[in-house]
Amino acid sequence: MIPIIGRNIKIFFRDKANVFFSLLAVLIIIGLYVFFLGKNLTSALGDSVGAQYVMDSWIMSGVISVSGVTTTMGAFAVMIDDRANKILKDFTVSPIRSSRLAGAYILSSVVVGFIMSLVTFVLAEAYIFLNGGELLAPLAILKMLGLILLTVLTSSAMVYFLTSFFNSQNAFATASTILGTIIGFLAGVYVPIGQFSDNVQTIIKLFPMTYSASLMRQVMMEEPLKISFEGAPVEALDAFKLMMGHTIRFGESAVTPFISILILIGTALVLYGLSILNISRKTK
């Protein structure tokens, strides 16, 4: 199992094009923010102290959340290639059990996703610092590492479920393109979730990465919000948090961090289970 995990990781990082395209959605979001969206979003805070710091932290927390999905998608391309080239069939006739083989692909995607998300996190912190913000405190960094791991696990489950339906490289490439295009909207990164209609917001709230992005925003935006909203009414801060997807609400009830974590864990368990059932059905 471990040799297969190592093999999959090496194949992913050896393919420079795959590495690049797995980060393409992240690069597009950062580019749009730096060159187009940044000034408009920051202007919404007017002349508030630390407005740039707030918005940089907001966009980067969303970017880190998105990277968990796109990089695990790139990692699972190895499995699709193996399936298309009949290598997966060779593995299935070897002594290794199918459950261990599936576990090898899943764990390799988690390792790849965590490494790439960690790189994204470091670059995000560097961008915030160089743009006049502050680096996260040690405790906040530990929280982010835990959230990155949870996000990658959930993303891996979601992508594994999708890939369980694909047998061809073309179908997988099409799905990757579509997911990479819409994920920024689904995670409330391109446009703050509060600017969508109620119906669209409901759809966005069905997507697990919405809760991942929310949790990361709560960590990364804690200090900048204290600076920018010092002396401001609590109602103004709450309204801003709701608008920016920092806080998620259903009706009048806010989704607590604990519930968000349970949603991500539950999503991962359910999708892993459904993936195994789907693959088992195909192999019968």
C-alpha atoms as a PDB file:
ATOM      1  CA  MET A   1       0.000   0.000   0.000  1.00  0.00           C
ATOM      2  CA  ILE A   2       2.753   2.442   0.991  1.00  0.00           C
ATOM      3  CA  PRO A   3       4.728   1.839  -2.244  1.00  0.00           C
ATOM      4  CA  ILE A   4       1.593   2.645  -4.276  1.00  0.00           C
ATOM      5  CA  ILE A   5       1.029   5.830  -2.257  1.00  0.00           C
ATOM      6  CA  GLY A   6       4.626   6.875  -2.925  1.00  0.00           C
ATOM      7  CA  ARG A   7       4.258   6.006  -6.604  1.00  0.00           C
ATOM      8  CA  ASN A   8       1.100   8.112  -6.980  1.00  0.00           C
ATOM      9  CA  ILE A   9       2.653  11.108  -5.236  1.00  0.00           C
ATOM     10  CA  LYS A  10       5.785  10.921  -7.404  1.00  0.00           C
ATOM     11  CA  ILE A  11       3.713  10.680 -10.592  1.00  0.00           C
ATOM     12  CA  PHE A  12       1.690  13.749  -9.607  1.00  0.00           C
ATOM     13  CA  PHE A  13       4.666  15.980  -8.829  1.00  0.00           C
ATOM     14  CA  ARG A  14       6.587  14.695 -11.849  1.00  0.00           C
ATOM     15  CA  ASP A  15       3.812  15.942 -14.132  1.00  0.00           C
ATOM     16  CA  LYS A  16       4.439  19.701 -14.015  1.00  0.00           C
ATOM     17  CA  ALA A  17       1.391  20.450 -16.175  1.00  0.00           C
ATOM     18  CA  ASN A  18      -0.881  18.587 -13.757  1.00  0.00           C
ATOM     19  CA  VAL A  19       0.611  20.470 -10.800  1.00  0.00           C
ATOM     20  CA  PHE A  20       0.085  23.789 -12.575  1.00  0.00           C
ATOM     21  CA  PHE A  21      -3.488  23.117 -13.634  1.00  0.00           C
ATOM     22  CA  SER A  22      -4.407  21.855 -10.167  1.00  0.00           C
ATOM     23  CA  LEU A  23      -3.491  25.339  -8.917  1.00  0.00           C
ATOM     24  CA  LEU A  24      -4.959  27.213 -11.880  1.00  0.00           C
ATOM     25  CA  ALA A  25      -8.254  28.061 -10.157  1.00  0.00           C
ATOM     26  CA  VAL A  26      -6.286  29.422  -7.190  1.00  0.00           C
ATOM     27  CA  LEU A  27      -4.079  31.538  -9.464  1.00  0.00           C
ATOM     28  CA  ILE A  28      -7.138  32.876 -11.308  1.00  0.00           C
ATOM     29  CA  ILE A  29      -8.824  33.903  -8.048  1.00  0.00           C
ATOM     30  CA  ILE A  30      -5.690  35.672  -6.816  1.00  0.00           C
ATOM     31  CA  GLY A  31      -5.232  37.383 -10.186  1.00  0.00           C
ATOM     32  CA  LEU A  32      -8.833  38.598 -10.284  1.00  0.00           C
ATOM     33  CA  TYR A  33      -8.538  39.895  -6.728  1.00  0.00           C
ATOM     34  CA  VAL A  34      -5.219  41.680  -7.225  1.00  0.00           C
ATOM     35  CA  PHE A  35      -6.059  43.292 -10.572  1.00  0.00           C
ATOM     36  CA  PHE A  36      -9.846  43.707 -10.557  1.00  0.00           C
ATOM     37  CA  LEU A  37     -11.877  42.788  -7.464  1.00  0.00           C
ATOM     38  CA  GLY A  38      -9.585  43.967  -4.674  1.00  0.00           C
ATOM     39  CA  LYS A  39     -10.223  47.699  -4.906  1.00  0.00           C
ATOM     40  CA  ASN A  40     -13.994  47.289  -5.214  1.00  0.00           C
ATOM     41  CA  LEU A  41     -14.197  44.935  -2.240  1.00  0.00           C
ATOM     42  CA  THR A  42     -11.908  47.070  -0.087  1.00  0.00           C
ATOM     43  CA  SER A  43     -13.859  50.231  -0.940  1.00  0.00           C
ATOM     44  CA  ALA A  44     -16.928  48.638   0.680  1.00  0.00           C
ATOM     45  CA  LEU A  45     -15.225  49.263   4.043  1.00  0.00           C
ATOM     46  CA  GLY A  46     -14.649  52.920   3.210  1.00  0.00           C
ATOM     47  CA  ASP A  47     -11.834  54.543   5.165  1.00  0.00           C
ATOM     48  CA  SER A  48     -11.835  51.938   7.931  1.00  0.00           C
ATOM     49  CA  VAL A  49      -8.456  51.236   9.485  1.00  0.00           C
ATOM     50  CA  GLY A  50      -7.057  47.954   8.216  1.00  0.00           C
ATOM     51  CA  ALA A  51      -9.583  47.579   5.385  1.00  0.00           C
ATOM     52  CA  GLN A  52      -6.934  46.086   3.095  1.00  0.00           C
ATOM     53  CA  TYR A  53      -5.862  43.683   5.842  1.00  0.00           C
ATOM     54  CA  VAL A  54      -9.457  42.518   6.289  1.00  0.00           C
ATOM     55  CA  MET A  55     -10.080  41.878   2.604  1.00  0.00           C
ATOM     56  CA  ASP A  56      -6.699  40.236   2.010  1.00  0.00           C
ATOM     57  CA  SER A  57      -7.435  37.824   4.857  1.00  0.00           C
ATOM     58  CA  TRP A  58     -10.928  37.194   3.467  1.00  0.00           C
ATOM     59  CA  ILE A  59      -9.796  36.337  -0.054  1.00  0.00           C
ATOM     60  CA  MET A  60      -6.814  34.253   1.044  1.00  0.00           C
ATOM     61  CA  SER A  61      -8.860  32.113   3.424  1.00  0.00           C
ATOM     62  CA  GLY A  62     -11.181  31.358   0.506  1.00  0.00           C
ATOM     63  CA  VAL A  63      -8.231  30.597  -1.757  1.00  0.00           C
ATOM     64  CA  ILE A  64      -6.817  28.068   0.725  1.00  0.00           C
ATOM     65  CA  SER A  65     -10.219  26.378   0.930  1.00  0.00           C
ATOM     66  CA  VAL A  66     -10.469  26.156  -2.867  1.00  0.00           C
ATOM     67  CA  SER A  67      -6.940  24.749  -3.196  1.00  0.00           C
ATOM     68  CA  GLY A  68      -7.978  21.690  -1.206  1.00  0.00           C
ATOM     69  CA  VAL A  69     -10.470  20.751  -3.917  1.00  0.00           C
ATOM     70  CA  THR A  70      -8.431  21.534  -7.024  1.00  0.00           C
ATOM     71  CA  THR A  71      -5.238  19.849  -5.824  1.00  0.00           C
ATOM     72  CA  THR A  72      -6.957  16.627  -4.752  1.00  0.00           C
ATOM     73  CA  MET A  73      -8.691  16.646  -8.139  1.00  0.00           C
ATOM     74  CA  GLY A  74      -5.280  16.787  -9.769  1.00  0.00           C
ATOM     75  CA  ALA A  75      -4.031  13.955  -7.563  1.00  0.00           C
ATOM     76  CA  PHE A  76      -6.925  11.697  -8.570  1.00  0.00           C
ATOM     77  CA  ALA A  77      -5.959  12.215 -12.222  1.00  0.00           C
ATOM     78  CA  VAL A  78      -3.340   9.532 -11.546  1.00  0.00           C
ATOM     79  CA  MET A  79      -6.106   7.040 -10.749  1.00  0.00           C
ATOM     80  CA  ILE A  80      -8.047   7.972 -13.884  1.00  0.00           C
ATOM     81  CA  ASP A  81      -4.909   7.528 -15.995  1.00  0.00           C
ATOM     82  CA  ASP A  82      -4.285   4.136 -14.392  1.00  0.00           C
ATOM     83  CA  ARG A  83      -7.867   3.123 -15.095  1.00  0.00           C
ATOM     84  CA  ALA A  84      -7.717   4.300 -18.720  1.00  0.00           C
ATOM     85  CA  ASN A  85      -4.359   2.597 -19.321  1.00  0.00           C
ATOM     86  CA  LYS A  86      -5.512  -0.684 -17.700  1.00  0.00           C
ATOM     87  CA  ILE A  87      -2.877  -0.327 -14.974  1.00  0.00           C
ATOM     88  CA  LEU A  88      -5.623  -0.382 -12.352  1.00  0.00           C
ATOM     89  CA  LYS A  89      -6.733  -3.777 -13.673  1.00  0.00           C
ATOM     90  CA  ASP A  90      -3.189  -5.068 -13.215  1.00  0.00           C
ATOM     91  CA  PHE A  91      -3.298  -3.914  -9.598  1.00  0.00           C
ATOM     92  CA  THR A  92      -6.623  -5.660  -8.984  1.00  0.00           C
ATOM     93  CA  VAL A  93      -5.204  -9.066  -9.965  1.00  0.00           C
ATOM     94  CA  SER A  94      -2.236  -8.613  -7.632  1.00  0.00           C
ATOM     95  CA  PRO A  95      -2.307  -9.839  -3.991  1.00  0.00           C
ATOM     96  CA  ILE A  96      -3.281  -6.365  -2.733  1.00  0.00           C
ATOM     97  CA  ARG A  97      -6.918  -6.104  -1.680  1.00  0.00           C
ATOM     98  CA  SER A  98      -9.184  -3.650  -3.504  1.00  0.00           C
ATOM     99  CA  SER A  99      -9.890  -1.784  -0.253  1.00  0.00           C
ATOM    100  CA  ARG A 100      -6.165  -1.207   0.271  1.00  0.00           C
ATOM    101  CA  LEU A 101      -5.762  -0.130  -3.339  1.00  0.00           C
ATOM    102  CA  ALA A 102      -8.580   2.398  -2.953  1.00  0.00           C
ATOM    103  CA  GLY A 103      -7.022   3.541   0.317  1.00  0.00           C
ATOM    104  CA  ALA A 104      -3.691   4.097  -1.435  1.00  0.00           C
ATOM    105  CA  TYR A 105      -5.259   6.425  -4.005  1.00  0.00           C
ATOM    106  CA  ILE A 106      -7.234   8.259  -1.319  1.00  0.00           C
ATOM    107  CA  LEU A 107      -4.248   8.727   0.993  1.00  0.00           C
ATOM    108  CA  SER A 108      -1.992   9.855  -1.846  1.00  0.00           C
ATOM    109  CA  SER A 109      -4.586  12.481  -2.816  1.00  0.00           C
ATOM    110  CA  VAL A 110      -4.781  13.630   0.814  1.00  0.00           C
ATOM    111  CA  VAL A 111      -0.983  13.931   1.040  1.00  0.00           C
ATOM    112  CA  VAL A 112      -0.813  15.854  -2.248  1.00  0.00           C
ATOM    113  CA  GLY A 113      -3.734  18.077  -1.267  1.00  0.00           C
ATOM    114  CA  PHE A 114      -2.257  18.845   2.148  1.00  0.00           C
ATOM    115  CA  ILE A 115       1.191  19.675   0.740  1.00  0.00           C
ATOM    116  CA  MET A 116      -0.212  21.931  -1.972  1.00  0.00           C
ATOM    117  CA  SER A 117      -2.680  23.610   0.406  1.00  0.00           C
ATOM    118  CA  LEU A 118       0.148  24.163   2.882  1.00  0.00           C
ATOM    119  CA  VAL A 119       2.192  25.850   0.152  1.00  0.00           C
ATOM    120  CA  THR A 120      -0.848  27.980  -0.704  1.00  0.00           C
ATOM    121  CA  PHE A 121      -1.237  28.912   2.981  1.00  0.00           C
ATOM    122  CA  VAL A 122       2.408  29.997   3.260  1.00  0.00           C
ATOM    123  CA  LEU A 123       2.130  32.102   0.095  1.00  0.00           C
ATOM    124  CA  ALA A 124      -1.145  33.601   1.343  1.00  0.00           C
ATOM    125  CA  GLU A 125       0.451  34.617   4.636  1.00  0.00           C
ATOM    126  CA  ALA A 126       3.405  36.112   2.767  1.00  0.00           C
ATOM    127  CA  TYR A 127       1.049  38.123   0.545  1.00  0.00           C
ATOM    128  CA  ILE A 128      -0.900  39.453   3.539  1.00  0.00           C
ATOM    129  CA  PHE A 129       2.302  40.401   5.376  1.00  0.00           C
ATOM    130  CA  LEU A 130       3.908  42.084   2.363  1.00  0.00           C
ATOM    131  CA  ASN A 131       0.679  43.997   1.778  1.00  0.00           C
ATOM    132  CA  GLY A 132       0.779  45.569   5.234  1.00  0.00           C
ATOM    133  CA  GLY A 133      -0.998  42.920   7.291  1.00  0.00           C
ATOM    134  CA  GLU A 134       0.249  40.742  10.132  1.00  0.00           C
ATOM    135  CA  LEU A 135       1.240  37.097  10.292  1.00  0.00           C
ATOM    136  CA  LEU A 136      -1.044  34.736  12.192  1.00  0.00           C
ATOM    137  CA  ALA A 137      -0.255  33.917  15.813  1.00  0.00           C
ATOM    138  CA  PRO A 138       1.098  30.399  16.555  1.00  0.00           C
ATOM    139  CA  LEU A 139      -2.257  29.167  17.913  1.00  0.00           C
ATOM    140  CA  ALA A 140      -4.080  30.476  14.842  1.00  0.00           C
ATOM    141  CA  ILE A 141      -1.539  28.717  12.603  1.00  0.00           C
ATOM    142  CA  LEU A 142      -2.227  25.422  14.404  1.00  0.00           C
ATOM    143  CA  LYS A 143      -5.962  25.956  13.905  1.00  0.00           C
ATOM    144  CA  MET A 144      -5.395  26.604  10.209  1.00  0.00           C
ATOM    145  CA  LEU A 145      -3.306  23.447   9.840  1.00  0.00           C
ATOM    146  CA  GLY A 146      -6.135  21.435  11.368  1.00  0.00           C
ATOM    147  CA  LEU A 147      -8.699  23.099   9.105  1.00  0.00           C
ATOM    148  CA  ILE A 148      -6.512  22.532   6.042  1.00  0.00           C
ATOM    149  CA  LEU A 149      -6.298  18.813   6.860  1.00  0.00           C
ATOM    150  CA  LEU A 150     -10.066  18.605   7.415  1.00  0.00           C
ATOM    151  CA  THR A 151     -10.712  20.494   4.178  1.00  0.00           C
ATOM    152  CA  VAL A 152      -8.412  18.197   2.223  1.00  0.00           C
ATOM    153  CA  LEU A 153     -10.069  15.081   3.679  1.00  0.00           C
ATOM    154  CA  THR A 154     -13.518  16.372   2.723  1.00  0.00           C
ATOM    155  CA  SER A 155     -12.326  17.508  -0.702  1.00  0.00           C
ATOM    156  CA  SER A 156     -10.710  14.137  -1.312  1.00  0.00           C
ATOM    157  CA  ALA A 157     -13.978  12.377  -0.455  1.00  0.00           C
ATOM    158  CA  MET A 158     -15.949  14.657  -2.761  1.00  0.00           C
ATOM    159  CA  VAL A 159     -13.531  14.254  -5.674  1.00  0.00           C
ATOM    160  CA  TYR A 160     -13.221  10.492  -5.107  1.00  0.00           C
ATOM    161  CA  PHE A 161     -17.005  10.229  -5.338  1.00  0.00           C
ATOM    162  CA  LEU A 162     -16.976  12.144  -8.634  1.00  0.00           C
ATOM    163  CA  THR A 163     -14.127  10.104 -10.095  1.00  0.00           C
ATOM    164  CA  SER A 164     -15.910   6.855  -9.237  1.00  0.00           C
ATOM    165  CA  PHE A 165     -18.237   7.630 -12.166  1.00  0.00           C
ATOM    166  CA  PHE A 166     -15.466   8.304 -14.705  1.00  0.00           C
ATOM    167  CA  ASN A 167     -13.566   5.795 -16.792  1.00  0.00           C
ATOM    168  CA  SER A 168     -12.082   8.090 -19.445  1.00  0.00           C
ATOM    169  CA  GLN A 169      -9.500  10.837 -19.200  1.00  0.00           C
ATOM    170  CA  ASN A 170     -11.618  13.173 -21.355  1.00  0.00           C
ATOM    171  CA  ALA A 171     -14.634  12.927 -19.051  1.00  0.00           C
ATOM    172  CA  PHE A 172     -12.445  13.574 -16.017  1.00  0.00           C
ATOM    173  CA  ALA A 173     -10.743  16.540 -17.715  1.00  0.00           C
ATOM    174  CA  THR A 174     -14.143  18.045 -18.545  1.00  0.00           C
ATOM    175  CA  ALA A 175     -15.349  17.601 -14.967  1.00  0.00           C
ATOM    176  CA  SER A 176     -12.118  19.144 -13.647  1.00  0.00           C
ATOM    177  CA  THR A 177     -12.579  22.173 -15.900  1.00  0.00           C
ATOM    178  CA  ILE A 178     -16.181  22.668 -14.812  1.00  0.00           C
ATOM    179  CA  LEU A 179     -15.364  22.256 -11.118  1.00  0.00           C
ATOM    180  CA  GLY A 180     -12.381  24.589 -11.362  1.00  0.00           C
ATOM    181  CA  THR A 181     -14.598  27.206 -13.019  1.00  0.00           C
ATOM    182  CA  ILE A 182     -17.487  27.184 -10.554  1.00  0.00           C
ATOM    183  CA  ILE A 183     -15.717  26.413  -7.304  1.00  0.00           C
ATOM    184  CA  GLY A 184     -14.860  30.055  -6.656  1.00  0.00           C
ATOM    185  CA  PHE A 185     -18.556  30.925  -6.755  1.00  0.00           C
ATOM    186  CA  LEU A 186     -19.630  27.898  -4.703  1.00  0.00           C
ATOM    187  CA  ALA A 187     -17.146  28.768  -1.963  1.00  0.00           C
ATOM    188  CA  GLY A 188     -18.217  32.429  -2.013  1.00  0.00           C
ATOM    189  CA  VAL A 189     -14.792  33.649  -3.130  1.00  0.00           C
ATOM    190  CA  TYR A 190     -15.412  35.490  -6.405  1.00  0.00           C
ATOM    191  CA  VAL A 191     -18.466  37.249  -4.995  1.00  0.00           C
ATOM    192  CA  PRO A 192     -19.375  37.553  -1.288  1.00  0.00           C
ATOM    193  CA  ILE A 193     -22.178  35.142  -0.477  1.00  0.00           C
ATOM    194  CA  GLY A 194     -24.369  37.950   0.871  1.00  0.00           C
ATOM    195  CA  GLN A 195     -24.599  39.548  -2.576  1.00  0.00           C
ATOM    196  CA  PHE A 196     -26.436  36.553  -4.025  1.00  0.00           C
ATOM    197  CA  SER A 197     -30.184  36.046  -3.900  1.00  0.00           C
ATOM    198  CA  ASP A 198     -31.649  33.886  -1.131  1.00  0.00           C
ATOM    199  CA  ASN A 199     -32.181  30.974  -3.533  1.00  0.00           C
ATOM    200  CA  VAL A 200     -28.582  31.062  -4.761  1.00  0.00           C
ATOM    201  CA  GLN A 201     -27.331  31.344  -1.180  1.00  0.00           C
ATOM    202  CA  THR A 202     -29.279  28.200  -0.316  1.00  0.00           C
ATOM    203  CA  ILE A 203     -27.533  26.332  -3.144  1.00  0.00           C
ATOM    204  CA  ILE A 204     -24.128  27.605  -2.013  1.00  0.00           C
ATOM    205  CA  LYS A 205     -24.838  26.425   1.537  1.00  0.00           C
ATOM    206  CA  LEU A 206     -25.271  22.878   0.208  1.00  0.00           C
ATOM    207  CA  PHE A 207     -21.621  22.876  -0.875  1.00  0.00           C
ATOM    208  CA  PRO A 208     -19.269  21.661   1.912  1.00  0.00           C
ATOM    209  CA  MET A 209     -16.445  24.045   0.989  1.00  0.00           C
ATOM    210  CA  THR A 210     -18.701  26.933   2.034  1.00  0.00           C
ATOM    211  CA  TYR A 211     -18.238  25.769   5.622  1.00  0.00           C
ATOM    212  CA  SER A 212     -14.523  25.187   5.160  1.00  0.00           C
ATOM    213  CA  ALA A 213     -14.086  28.736   3.857  1.00  0.00           C
ATOM    214  CA  SER A 214     -16.222  30.073   6.722  1.00  0.00           C
ATOM    215  CA  LEU A 215     -14.090  28.311   9.344  1.00  0.00           C
ATOM    216  CA  MET A 216     -10.865  29.586   7.798  1.00  0.00           C
ATOM    217  CA  ARG A 217     -12.248  33.120   7.626  1.00  0.00           C
ATOM    218  CA  GLN A 218     -13.107  32.979  11.313  1.00  0.00           C
ATOM    219  CA  VAL A 219      -9.459  32.219  12.077  1.00  0.00           C
ATOM    220  CA  MET A 220      -7.705  34.452   9.554  1.00  0.00           C
ATOM    221  CA  MET A 221     -10.034  37.447   9.909  1.00  0.00           C
ATOM    222  CA  GLU A 222     -10.230  37.527  13.701  1.00  0.00           C
ATOM    223  CA  GLU A 223      -7.460  40.077  14.259  1.00  0.00           C
ATOM    224  CA  PRO A 224      -8.082  42.278  11.187  1.00  0.00           C
ATOM    225  CA  LEU A 225     -11.787  42.561  12.086  1.00  0.00           C
ATOM    226  CA  LYS A 226     -10.874  43.671  15.619  1.00  0.00           C
ATOM    227  CA  ILE A 227      -8.707  46.419  14.137  1.00  0.00           C
ATOM    228  CA  SER A 228     -11.090  47.549  11.415  1.00  0.00           C
ATOM    229  CA  PHE A 229     -14.318  47.442  13.453  1.00  0.00           C
ATOM    230  CA  GLU A 230     -12.941  48.811  16.723  1.00  0.00           C
ATOM    231  CA  GLY A 231     -15.619  51.046  18.215  1.00  0.00           C
ATOM    232  CA  ALA A 232     -18.174  50.102  15.545  1.00  0.00           C
ATOM    233  CA  PRO A 233     -21.647  48.826  16.516  1.00  0.00           C
ATOM    234  CA  VAL A 234     -21.896  45.065  16.988  1.00  0.00           C
ATOM    235  CA  GLU A 235     -24.737  45.040  14.452  1.00  0.00           C
ATOM    236  CA  ALA A 236     -22.430  46.464  11.779  1.00  0.00           C
ATOM    237  CA  LEU A 237     -19.805  43.784  12.434  1.00  0.00           C
ATOM    238  CA  ASP A 238     -22.399  40.993  12.403  1.00  0.00           C
ATOM    239  CA  ALA A 239     -23.875  42.262   9.133  1.00  0.00           C
ATOM    240  CA  PHE A 240     -20.423  42.387   7.533  1.00  0.00           C
ATOM    241  CA  LYS A 241     -19.586  38.855   8.697  1.00  0.00           C
ATOM    242  CA  LEU A 242     -22.843  37.576   7.233  1.00  0.00           C
ATOM    243  CA  MET A 243     -22.296  39.401   3.939  1.00  0.00           C
ATOM    244  CA  MET A 244     -18.765  38.041   3.497  1.00  0.00           C
ATOM    245  CA  GLY A 245     -19.507  34.409   4.359  1.00  0.00           C
ATOM    246  CA  HIS A 246     -17.584  34.647   7.632  1.00  0.00           C
ATOM    247  CA  THR A 247     -20.799  33.577   9.346  1.00  0.00           C
ATOM    248  CA  ILE A 248     -23.304  31.174   7.782  1.00  0.00           C
ATOM    249  CA  ARG A 249     -26.953  31.399   8.783  1.00  0.00           C
ATOM    250  CA  PHE A 250     -30.041  29.295   8.251  1.00  0.00           C
ATOM    251  CA  GLY A 251     -32.954  31.559   9.015  1.00  0.00           C
ATOM    252  CA  GLU A 252     -32.119  33.283  12.285  1.00  0.00           C
ATOM    253  CA  SER A 253     -29.727  30.581  13.464  1.00  0.00           C
ATOM    254  CA  ALA A 254     -25.983  30.910  12.889  1.00  0.00           C
ATOM    255  CA  VAL A 255     -23.967  27.797  12.080  1.00  0.00           C
ATOM    256  CA  THR A 256     -21.439  27.372  14.889  1.00  0.00           C
ATOM    257  CA  PRO A 257     -17.836  26.289  14.191  1.00  0.00           C
ATOM    258  CA  PHE A 258     -18.588  22.922  15.824  1.00  0.00           C
ATOM    259  CA  ILE A 259     -21.529  22.312  13.476  1.00  0.00           C
ATOM    260  CA  SER A 260     -19.417  23.361  10.467  1.00  0.00           C
ATOM    261  CA  ILE A 261     -16.755  20.824  11.461  1.00  0.00           C
ATOM    262  CA  LEU A 262     -19.407  18.120  11.866  1.00  0.00           C
ATOM    263  CA  ILE A 263     -20.776  18.967   8.402  1.00  0.00           C
ATOM    264  CA  LEU A 264     -17.324  18.523   6.860  1.00  0.00           C
ATOM    265  CA  ILE A 265     -16.636  15.266   8.726  1.00  0.00           C
ATOM    266  CA  GLY A 266     -20.108  13.916   7.927  1.00  0.00           C
ATOM    267  CA  THR A 267     -19.757  14.846   4.259  1.00  0.00           C
ATOM    268  CA  ALA A 268     -16.407  13.066   4.056  1.00  0.00           C
ATOM    269  CA  LEU A 269     -17.727   9.871   5.659  1.00  0.00           C
ATOM    270  CA  VAL A 270     -20.885   9.753   3.530  1.00  0.00           C
ATOM    271  CA  LEU A 271     -19.079  10.419   0.243  1.00  0.00           C
ATOM    272  CA  TYR A 272     -16.309   7.918   0.969  1.00  0.00           C
ATOM    273  CA  GLY A 273     -19.001   5.330   1.711  1.00  0.00           C
ATOM    274  CA  LEU A 274     -20.953   6.105  -1.462  1.00  0.00           C
ATOM    275  CA  SER A 275     -17.759   5.965  -3.525  1.00  0.00           C
ATOM    276  CA  ILE A 276     -16.873   2.518  -2.210  1.00  0.00           C
ATOM    277  CA  LEU A 277     -20.406   1.275  -2.926  1.00  0.00           C
ATOM    278  CA  ASN A 278     -20.297   2.663  -6.464  1.00  0.00           C
ATOM    279  CA  ILE A 279     -16.897   1.162  -7.233  1.00  0.00           C
ATOM    280  CA  SER A 280     -17.909  -2.187  -5.696  1.00  0.00           C
ATOM    281  CA  ARG A 281     -21.017  -2.219  -7.898  1.00  0.00           C
ATOM    282  CA  LYS A 282     -18.886  -1.631 -11.016  1.00  0.00           C
ATOM    283  CA  THR A 283     -16.436  -4.408 -10.212  1.00  0.00           C
ATOM    284  CA  LYS A 284     -19.138  -7.064  -9.805  1.00  0.00           C
END
